Protein backbone atom coordinates (compact mmCIF):
# COMPACT_ATOMS: atom_id res chain seq x y z
CA MET A 1 0.80 18.04 61.76
CA SER A 2 -0.71 14.54 62.00
CA ALA A 3 -1.36 12.37 58.97
CA LEU A 4 -5.11 12.94 59.39
CA GLU A 5 -4.67 16.70 59.59
CA ALA A 6 -2.54 16.67 56.45
CA GLU A 7 -5.13 14.56 54.63
CA MET A 8 -8.02 16.81 55.66
CA MET A 9 -6.13 19.97 54.71
CA GLU A 10 -5.43 18.46 51.29
CA ILE A 11 -9.13 17.67 50.86
CA GLY A 12 -9.90 21.29 51.68
CA ARG A 13 -7.27 22.60 49.27
CA ARG A 14 -8.60 20.46 46.43
CA ALA A 15 -12.18 21.49 47.21
CA ARG A 16 -11.27 25.18 47.08
CA ALA A 17 -9.54 24.75 43.71
CA ALA A 18 -12.51 22.77 42.37
CA ALA A 19 -14.95 25.43 43.58
CA HIS A 20 -13.03 28.08 41.66
CA ALA A 21 -13.12 26.01 38.46
CA LEU A 22 -16.78 25.16 38.93
CA ARG A 23 -17.66 28.82 39.43
CA LEU A 24 -16.20 29.56 36.00
CA SER A 25 -17.89 26.62 34.25
CA SER A 26 -20.91 27.17 32.04
CA PRO A 27 -24.51 26.50 33.12
CA GLU A 28 -24.74 23.99 30.25
CA ALA A 29 -21.73 22.05 31.58
CA ARG A 30 -23.22 21.92 35.06
CA THR A 31 -26.58 20.79 33.71
CA ALA A 32 -25.01 18.03 31.60
CA THR A 33 -23.03 16.83 34.61
CA ILE A 34 -26.09 16.62 36.85
CA GLU A 35 -27.93 14.70 34.12
CA ALA A 36 -24.98 12.31 33.97
CA MET A 37 -25.20 11.90 37.76
CA ALA A 38 -28.86 10.87 37.50
CA HIS A 39 -27.99 8.40 34.73
CA ARG A 40 -25.09 6.94 36.71
CA LEU A 41 -27.23 6.51 39.82
CA ARG A 42 -29.78 4.54 37.80
CA THR A 43 -27.20 2.29 36.16
CA GLN A 44 -25.51 1.65 39.52
CA ALA A 45 -28.74 1.25 41.51
CA GLY A 46 -28.40 -2.51 41.95
CA ALA A 47 -24.79 -2.33 43.08
CA ILE A 48 -25.44 0.54 45.49
CA ALA A 49 -28.50 -1.23 46.95
CA THR A 50 -26.44 -4.38 47.57
CA ILE A 51 -23.77 -2.37 49.35
CA ASN A 52 -26.43 -0.60 51.39
CA ALA A 53 -27.97 -3.91 52.44
CA GLY A 54 -24.65 -4.74 54.08
CA ASP A 55 -24.62 -1.43 55.94
CA VAL A 56 -28.21 -1.99 57.09
CA GLU A 57 -27.51 -5.52 58.29
CA ALA A 58 -24.54 -4.34 60.36
CA ALA A 59 -26.48 -1.38 61.76
CA THR A 60 -29.54 -3.38 62.90
CA ARG A 61 -27.51 -4.69 65.80
CA LYS A 62 -26.75 -1.25 67.24
CA LEU A 63 -29.10 1.46 65.94
CA PRO A 64 -32.77 2.31 66.73
CA ASN A 65 -35.47 1.69 64.14
CA ALA A 66 -35.76 5.35 63.14
CA GLN A 67 -32.11 5.45 62.09
CA ILE A 68 -32.38 2.12 60.30
CA ASP A 69 -35.31 3.50 58.33
CA ARG A 70 -33.22 6.50 57.30
CA LEU A 71 -30.24 4.31 56.43
CA ARG A 72 -32.12 1.95 54.12
CA PHE A 73 -31.51 2.76 50.42
CA ASP A 74 -33.00 0.13 48.12
CA THR A 75 -33.32 0.28 44.33
CA GLN A 76 -36.69 2.01 44.58
CA GLY A 77 -35.20 4.67 46.84
CA ILE A 78 -32.22 5.12 44.52
CA GLU A 79 -34.53 5.53 41.53
CA ALA A 80 -36.47 8.19 43.45
CA VAL A 81 -33.26 10.03 44.28
CA ALA A 82 -32.13 9.78 40.64
CA ASP A 83 -35.45 11.35 39.64
CA GLY A 84 -34.77 14.17 42.10
CA VAL A 85 -31.28 14.67 40.71
CA ALA A 86 -32.73 14.83 37.19
CA ALA A 87 -35.20 17.45 38.45
CA ILE A 88 -32.29 19.50 39.79
CA ALA A 89 -30.74 19.38 36.31
CA ARG A 90 -33.93 20.90 34.90
CA GLN A 91 -33.94 23.81 37.34
CA PRO A 92 -32.81 27.26 36.25
CA ASP A 93 -29.12 27.73 36.99
CA PRO A 94 -28.91 30.28 39.84
CA VAL A 95 -25.29 31.35 39.28
CA ASP A 96 -24.94 34.91 37.94
CA ALA A 97 -28.70 35.48 37.99
CA VAL A 98 -29.43 39.21 38.35
CA LEU A 99 -31.46 39.80 41.51
CA ALA A 100 -31.76 43.57 41.12
CA GLU A 101 -30.29 46.38 39.02
CA TRP A 102 -30.46 50.14 39.07
CA THR A 103 -28.62 53.23 37.90
CA ARG A 104 -27.48 55.99 40.25
CA PRO A 105 -27.80 59.71 39.41
CA ASN A 106 -24.03 59.80 38.79
CA GLY A 107 -24.39 57.19 36.05
CA LEU A 108 -23.06 54.18 37.99
CA ARG A 109 -24.90 51.01 36.98
CA ILE A 110 -25.26 48.53 39.87
CA GLU A 111 -26.34 44.89 39.77
CA ARG A 112 -26.84 42.43 42.61
CA ILE A 113 -26.12 38.94 41.26
CA ARG A 114 -26.13 35.42 42.68
CA THR A 115 -22.78 33.79 43.25
CA PRO A 116 -21.78 30.42 44.79
CA ILE A 117 -20.95 30.29 48.47
CA GLY A 118 -17.76 28.32 47.70
CA VAL A 119 -17.09 25.13 49.66
CA ILE A 120 -19.83 23.43 51.66
CA GLY A 121 -19.04 21.00 54.46
CA MET A 122 -21.82 18.45 54.88
CA ILE A 123 -21.91 16.31 58.04
CA PHE A 124 -24.72 13.77 58.22
CA GLU A 125 -25.88 10.53 59.83
CA SER A 126 -27.60 7.61 58.09
CA ARG A 127 -29.58 9.08 55.15
CA PRO A 128 -27.28 8.03 52.26
CA ASN A 129 -29.62 9.86 49.88
CA VAL A 130 -28.17 13.06 51.34
CA ALA A 131 -24.86 12.39 49.56
CA ALA A 132 -26.59 12.33 46.16
CA ASP A 133 -28.85 15.31 46.87
CA ALA A 134 -25.98 17.39 48.27
CA GLY A 135 -23.67 16.54 45.38
CA ALA A 136 -26.21 17.48 42.71
CA LEU A 137 -27.31 20.66 44.50
CA ALA A 138 -23.70 21.71 44.98
CA ILE A 139 -22.98 21.41 41.26
CA ARG A 140 -26.23 23.21 40.34
CA SER A 141 -25.24 26.13 42.59
CA GLY A 142 -21.59 26.16 41.51
CA ASN A 143 -20.20 24.98 44.86
CA ALA A 144 -17.79 22.25 45.89
CA VAL A 145 -18.89 19.95 48.73
CA ILE A 146 -17.04 17.85 51.29
CA LEU A 147 -19.24 15.02 52.59
CA ARG A 148 -18.73 13.32 55.93
CA GLY A 149 -21.37 10.66 56.57
CA GLY A 150 -21.78 8.43 59.58
CA SER A 151 -19.84 5.21 60.01
CA GLU A 152 -23.12 3.25 59.78
CA SER A 153 -23.48 4.26 56.10
CA ALA A 154 -19.81 4.50 55.14
CA ALA A 155 -19.84 1.88 52.37
CA THR A 156 -23.07 3.22 50.83
CA ASN A 157 -21.83 6.80 50.94
CA ALA A 158 -18.52 5.86 49.32
CA ALA A 159 -20.34 4.11 46.47
CA ILE A 160 -22.63 7.09 45.87
CA ILE A 161 -19.77 9.60 45.98
CA GLU A 162 -17.72 7.60 43.51
CA THR A 163 -20.75 7.42 41.21
CA LEU A 164 -21.10 11.20 41.28
CA ARG A 165 -17.37 11.75 40.79
CA THR A 166 -17.45 9.48 37.74
CA ALA A 167 -20.08 11.75 36.20
CA LEU A 168 -17.90 14.79 36.90
CA ARG A 169 -14.93 13.15 35.18
CA GLU A 170 -17.05 12.14 32.20
CA ARG A 171 -18.28 15.68 31.69
CA GLY A 172 -14.95 17.40 32.20
CA LEU A 173 -15.66 19.14 35.51
CA PRO A 174 -13.28 18.75 38.47
CA GLU A 175 -14.07 15.55 40.34
CA ASP A 176 -12.85 17.15 43.56
CA ALA A 177 -15.98 19.29 43.51
CA ILE A 178 -17.48 16.31 45.39
CA GLN A 179 -15.29 14.60 47.99
CA GLY A 180 -15.94 12.22 50.85
CA VAL A 181 -14.01 12.15 54.10
CA PRO A 182 -12.36 8.70 54.00
CA THR A 183 -12.31 8.08 57.76
CA SER A 184 -14.76 7.53 60.59
CA ASP A 185 -12.36 9.28 63.02
CA ARG A 186 -14.42 11.89 64.89
CA ALA A 187 -11.41 14.18 64.85
CA ALA A 188 -12.11 14.78 61.17
CA VAL A 189 -15.45 16.35 62.13
CA GLY A 190 -13.68 18.73 64.48
CA MET A 191 -11.32 19.77 61.69
CA MET A 192 -14.26 20.46 59.39
CA LEU A 193 -15.96 22.52 62.07
CA ALA A 194 -12.78 24.59 62.38
CA GLY A 195 -13.01 25.30 58.65
CA LEU A 196 -9.96 23.42 57.32
CA ASP A 197 -7.81 26.55 57.43
CA GLY A 198 -10.37 28.67 55.60
CA ALA A 199 -11.30 26.08 52.97
CA ILE A 200 -14.90 25.54 54.18
CA ASP A 201 -17.36 28.43 53.92
CA VAL A 202 -20.45 26.89 55.53
CA ILE A 203 -21.31 23.71 57.46
CA VAL A 204 -24.60 21.87 56.98
CA PRO A 205 -25.33 19.19 59.60
CA ARG A 206 -28.10 16.66 59.11
CA GLY A 207 -28.72 14.09 61.76
CA GLY A 208 -29.69 13.61 65.38
CA LYS A 209 -29.96 16.26 68.04
CA SER A 210 -26.54 15.50 69.54
CA LEU A 211 -24.78 15.85 66.17
CA VAL A 212 -26.45 19.14 65.29
CA ALA A 213 -25.88 20.52 68.80
CA ARG A 214 -22.19 19.67 68.57
CA VAL A 215 -21.91 21.38 65.20
CA GLN A 216 -23.67 24.52 66.42
CA ASN A 217 -21.55 24.65 69.57
CA GLU A 218 -18.15 24.00 67.98
CA ALA A 219 -18.34 25.38 64.45
CA ARG A 220 -16.06 28.29 63.57
CA VAL A 221 -17.83 28.84 60.26
CA PRO A 222 -21.52 29.63 59.56
CA VAL A 223 -24.02 26.78 60.00
CA PHE A 224 -27.30 25.96 58.25
CA ALA A 225 -29.05 23.75 60.78
CA HIS A 226 -32.05 22.78 62.81
CA LEU A 227 -31.80 20.98 66.12
CA GLU A 228 -35.00 18.96 65.74
CA GLY A 229 -38.40 18.88 64.11
CA ILE A 230 -41.04 19.35 66.80
CA CYS A 231 -43.89 19.92 64.35
CA HIS A 232 -47.54 20.63 65.18
CA THR A 233 -50.89 20.10 63.49
CA TYR A 234 -53.70 22.27 64.86
CA VAL A 235 -57.31 21.23 64.23
CA HIS A 236 -59.23 24.51 64.32
CA ALA A 237 -62.86 24.92 65.35
CA ASP A 238 -63.86 25.27 61.69
CA ALA A 239 -61.93 22.26 60.44
CA ASP A 240 -63.46 19.91 57.89
CA PRO A 241 -63.74 16.57 59.76
CA ALA A 242 -62.62 14.42 56.82
CA LYS A 243 -59.61 16.65 56.10
CA ALA A 244 -58.69 16.78 59.78
CA LYS A 245 -58.60 12.99 60.11
CA ALA A 246 -56.77 12.32 56.85
CA ILE A 247 -54.18 15.04 57.40
CA ALA A 248 -53.55 14.18 61.06
CA VAL A 249 -52.89 10.51 60.23
CA ASN A 250 -50.65 11.34 57.27
CA ALA A 251 -48.76 14.07 59.13
CA LYS A 252 -47.84 11.61 61.89
CA MET A 253 -47.79 8.16 60.32
CA ARG A 254 -46.77 8.47 56.65
CA ARG A 255 -43.18 8.23 57.81
CA VAL A 256 -42.48 8.73 61.49
CA SER A 257 -38.69 9.08 61.17
CA VAL A 258 -38.63 12.28 59.10
CA CYS A 259 -38.17 15.71 60.64
CA GLY A 260 -41.45 16.93 59.12
CA ALA A 261 -43.55 14.36 60.99
CA THR A 262 -46.08 15.92 63.35
CA GLU A 263 -45.17 15.26 66.98
CA THR A 264 -48.04 17.15 68.68
CA LEU A 265 -51.70 17.34 67.69
CA LEU A 266 -53.51 20.42 68.98
CA ILE A 267 -57.30 20.31 68.76
CA ASP A 268 -59.73 23.11 69.51
CA LYS A 269 -61.99 22.41 72.48
CA ALA A 270 -64.99 23.57 70.43
CA VAL A 271 -64.71 20.47 68.25
CA ALA A 272 -62.65 18.13 70.42
CA ASP A 273 -65.64 16.02 71.55
CA ALA A 274 -66.72 15.46 67.94
CA LEU A 275 -63.39 15.19 66.10
CA LEU A 276 -60.88 13.74 68.55
CA PRO A 277 -62.48 10.26 68.75
CA PRO A 278 -62.43 9.53 64.98
CA ILE A 279 -58.95 11.01 64.62
CA SER A 280 -57.69 9.00 67.60
CA ILE A 281 -59.23 5.76 66.32
CA ALA A 282 -57.66 6.28 62.88
CA LEU A 283 -54.27 6.97 64.44
CA HIS A 284 -54.58 3.93 66.70
CA GLU A 285 -55.48 1.72 63.75
CA ALA A 286 -52.37 3.01 61.97
CA GLY A 287 -50.27 1.89 64.94
CA CYS A 288 -49.84 5.18 66.77
CA GLN A 289 -49.62 5.52 70.56
CA LEU A 290 -51.30 8.66 71.95
CA ARG A 291 -50.27 10.68 74.98
CA GLY A 292 -52.80 13.36 75.94
CA ASP A 293 -53.45 16.10 78.44
CA GLY A 294 -56.34 15.79 80.91
CA ALA A 295 -58.92 17.21 78.53
CA ALA A 296 -57.95 14.80 75.76
CA GLN A 297 -57.96 11.83 78.16
CA ALA A 298 -61.46 12.79 79.30
CA ILE A 299 -62.71 12.43 75.71
CA ILE A 300 -60.99 9.19 74.72
CA PRO A 301 -58.68 6.85 76.69
CA MET A 302 -54.95 7.44 76.08
CA ASP A 303 -51.74 7.61 78.07
CA ALA A 304 -51.06 10.76 80.08
CA ALA A 305 -48.72 13.30 78.54
CA THR A 306 -45.97 14.79 80.67
CA GLU A 307 -44.42 18.24 80.34
CA GLU A 308 -41.50 16.61 78.55
CA ASP A 309 -43.77 15.22 75.83
CA TRP A 310 -44.60 18.67 74.49
CA SER A 311 -40.94 19.28 73.61
CA THR A 312 -40.02 15.78 72.41
CA GLU A 313 -39.22 14.80 68.82
CA TYR A 314 -40.31 11.18 68.99
CA LEU A 315 -39.32 10.02 65.48
CA ALA A 316 -41.56 7.08 66.37
CA PRO A 317 -45.29 6.19 66.21
CA ILE A 318 -46.05 8.31 69.28
CA LEU A 319 -48.12 11.49 69.24
CA SER A 320 -48.85 13.95 72.04
CA VAL A 321 -52.35 15.46 72.04
CA ARG A 322 -53.53 18.66 73.67
CA VAL A 323 -56.93 20.34 73.70
CA VAL A 324 -56.57 24.13 73.31
CA ASP A 325 -59.00 26.97 73.89
CA GLY A 326 -58.88 28.71 70.52
CA ILE A 327 -56.28 29.73 67.98
CA ALA A 328 -54.42 32.09 70.33
CA GLU A 329 -53.68 29.24 72.73
CA ALA A 330 -52.57 27.00 69.85
CA ILE A 331 -50.15 29.66 68.60
CA ALA A 332 -48.86 30.21 72.14
CA HIS A 333 -48.24 26.48 72.60
CA ILE A 334 -46.28 26.30 69.35
CA ALA A 335 -44.23 29.36 70.32
CA ARG A 336 -43.32 27.81 73.68
CA TYR A 337 -42.61 24.21 72.68
CA GLY A 338 -41.93 24.18 68.95
CA SER A 339 -38.59 24.08 67.17
CA GLN A 340 -39.62 26.54 64.43
CA HIS A 341 -39.66 23.79 61.83
CA THR A 342 -43.15 23.12 60.36
CA GLU A 343 -46.66 23.79 61.69
CA ALA A 344 -50.06 23.19 60.09
CA ILE A 345 -53.59 24.47 60.67
CA ILE A 346 -56.66 22.54 59.49
CA THR A 347 -59.57 24.94 58.96
CA GLU A 348 -62.13 26.17 56.44
CA ASN A 349 -62.00 29.62 58.06
CA ALA A 350 -59.87 31.81 55.79
CA ALA A 351 -59.33 34.52 58.40
CA ALA A 352 -58.16 31.97 60.99
CA ALA A 353 -55.83 30.38 58.46
CA GLU A 354 -54.27 33.72 57.55
CA ARG A 355 -53.78 34.60 61.22
CA PHE A 356 -52.03 31.30 61.86
CA LEU A 357 -49.81 31.63 58.78
CA ARG A 358 -48.89 35.19 59.73
CA GLU A 359 -48.32 34.78 63.47
CA VAL A 360 -46.61 31.40 63.71
CA ASP A 361 -42.86 32.05 63.42
CA SER A 362 -41.64 28.78 61.93
CA ALA A 363 -39.64 28.07 58.80
CA ILE A 364 -42.68 26.42 57.16
CA VAL A 365 -46.36 27.07 57.90
CA VAL A 366 -49.09 25.04 56.21
CA HIS A 367 -52.84 25.37 55.69
CA ASN A 368 -54.99 22.27 55.12
CA ALA A 369 -52.12 19.95 54.23
CA SER A 370 -49.76 17.54 55.94
CA THR A 371 -46.58 18.72 57.67
CA GLN A 372 -44.82 15.92 55.79
CA PHE A 373 -44.73 18.20 52.73
CA ALA A 374 -41.79 19.89 54.49
CA ASP A 375 -39.36 18.57 51.90
CA GLY A 376 -37.25 20.19 49.19
CA GLY A 377 -38.47 17.73 46.57
CA GLU A 378 -42.10 18.54 47.38
CA PHE A 379 -41.28 22.25 47.12
CA GLY A 380 -40.03 21.71 43.59
CA PHE A 381 -36.34 22.03 44.50
CA GLY A 382 -35.53 18.54 43.20
CA GLY A 383 -33.87 17.79 46.53
CA GLU A 384 -32.51 19.47 49.62
CA ILE A 385 -29.54 19.18 51.91
CA GLY A 386 -31.60 20.00 54.98
CA ILE A 387 -34.28 22.25 56.42
CA ALA A 388 -32.85 25.30 58.14
CA THR A 389 -34.77 26.80 61.05
CA GLY A 390 -32.49 29.77 61.69
CA ARG A 391 -33.36 33.27 60.57
CA LEU A 392 -30.26 34.26 58.62
CA HIS A 393 -29.62 33.57 54.92
CA ALA A 394 -31.39 30.23 54.37
CA ARG A 395 -34.64 29.16 56.04
CA GLY A 396 -36.75 26.13 55.25
CA PRO A 397 -35.63 23.58 52.63
CA VAL A 398 -32.07 24.35 51.50
CA GLY A 399 -31.88 23.85 47.74
CA ALA A 400 -29.62 25.21 45.02
CA GLU A 401 -30.80 28.81 45.32
CA GLN A 402 -30.21 28.79 49.08
CA LEU A 403 -26.63 27.61 48.48
CA THR A 404 -25.77 30.90 46.82
CA THR A 405 -24.95 34.31 48.20
CA PHE A 406 -24.70 37.50 46.16
CA LYS A 407 -22.28 40.21 45.17
CA TYR A 408 -22.61 43.68 43.70
CA VAL A 409 -21.27 44.47 40.25
CA VAL A 410 -20.74 48.19 39.68
CA ARG A 411 -20.09 49.55 36.17
CA GLY A 412 -18.92 53.10 35.63
CA ASP A 413 -17.48 55.38 32.97
CA GLY A 414 -14.76 57.29 34.77
CA GLN A 415 -16.76 58.43 37.81
CA THR A 416 -14.77 59.54 40.86
CA ARG A 417 -16.26 60.25 44.27
CA PRO A 418 -16.16 63.90 45.39
């Protein structure tokens, strides 16, 4: 066994032991620890921001703007994350919550209760806020977490992880409930994907398409993941013009580097002549480049969209535009090209809205609001460790509740089975 293998196996062993201790800790102890994490993040905000500035400066020479935007973690961003961590502390503790209970005719009393998953392996790029969110959510849900961030954010991640571990020590919970992988060696990722000899129960990747694809292809443990966020906003024939313009601009341009940013605007041909020009002008003024199909180009000048554009996550100020013939064609386009992340319909027609919300098979569907609300904090989760687009266990923002599974507790009084 190599030195790296031995080190990773030891990390897994300590995480498993910490998860067991955390599972037996009280909800009050976990709450107090998460509150201490929020306090520590605030008191260390200046130091963490200074360290992050060094990571950002080094990364500007080799990473695209979208990744730099995700990497940047200034004092304002740290304060926002600390607020999210504090919100997680205020959430109901999910561990041991009774989901259902019933009594059988033979007198057996059965409960289905929430229980922690165990040890979570988190692999992420840029986004140093993920370390804080994942650490707090892990403690709230009674899990241990092993964090492996990208080399571009290594110093920032290490500072955040040590801040969280200090809070664990202060409150008497095992500090190994939150651990960072202390190497940028890619072999460590492979070991995590193999499960560290049974230590890791689930892998959560958060990063670019190549990272998530590798995790999904190589993991030997379950994965909560989405490959990309190809999100759509559909302007229906009965859309309110002011809402359509405001939402379309926000959904694309509020922050282009997030997975909930709209990448394709679908607009009904019944209102395209009237609504596409003001929407396009507002997007252009916000700095967005448009790529449209023939019908869109005939209404207002823009670059031509290719077949590839419909399935591209730009993570940049670029938006593809297609004119569709009714809601059925919009739903069909989303089904063919979407990534089952987040889709929105803009309409004052309640029946059309309900049809869209019912028929579109994505993790998040939205009526008359921006796709950029696809965020655990906006859902009231305090934070998230990702948005899952699969169909099993967790779907949508993955918060504390989604980081639990359940077990059955059966209580009897001497019953035997005939």
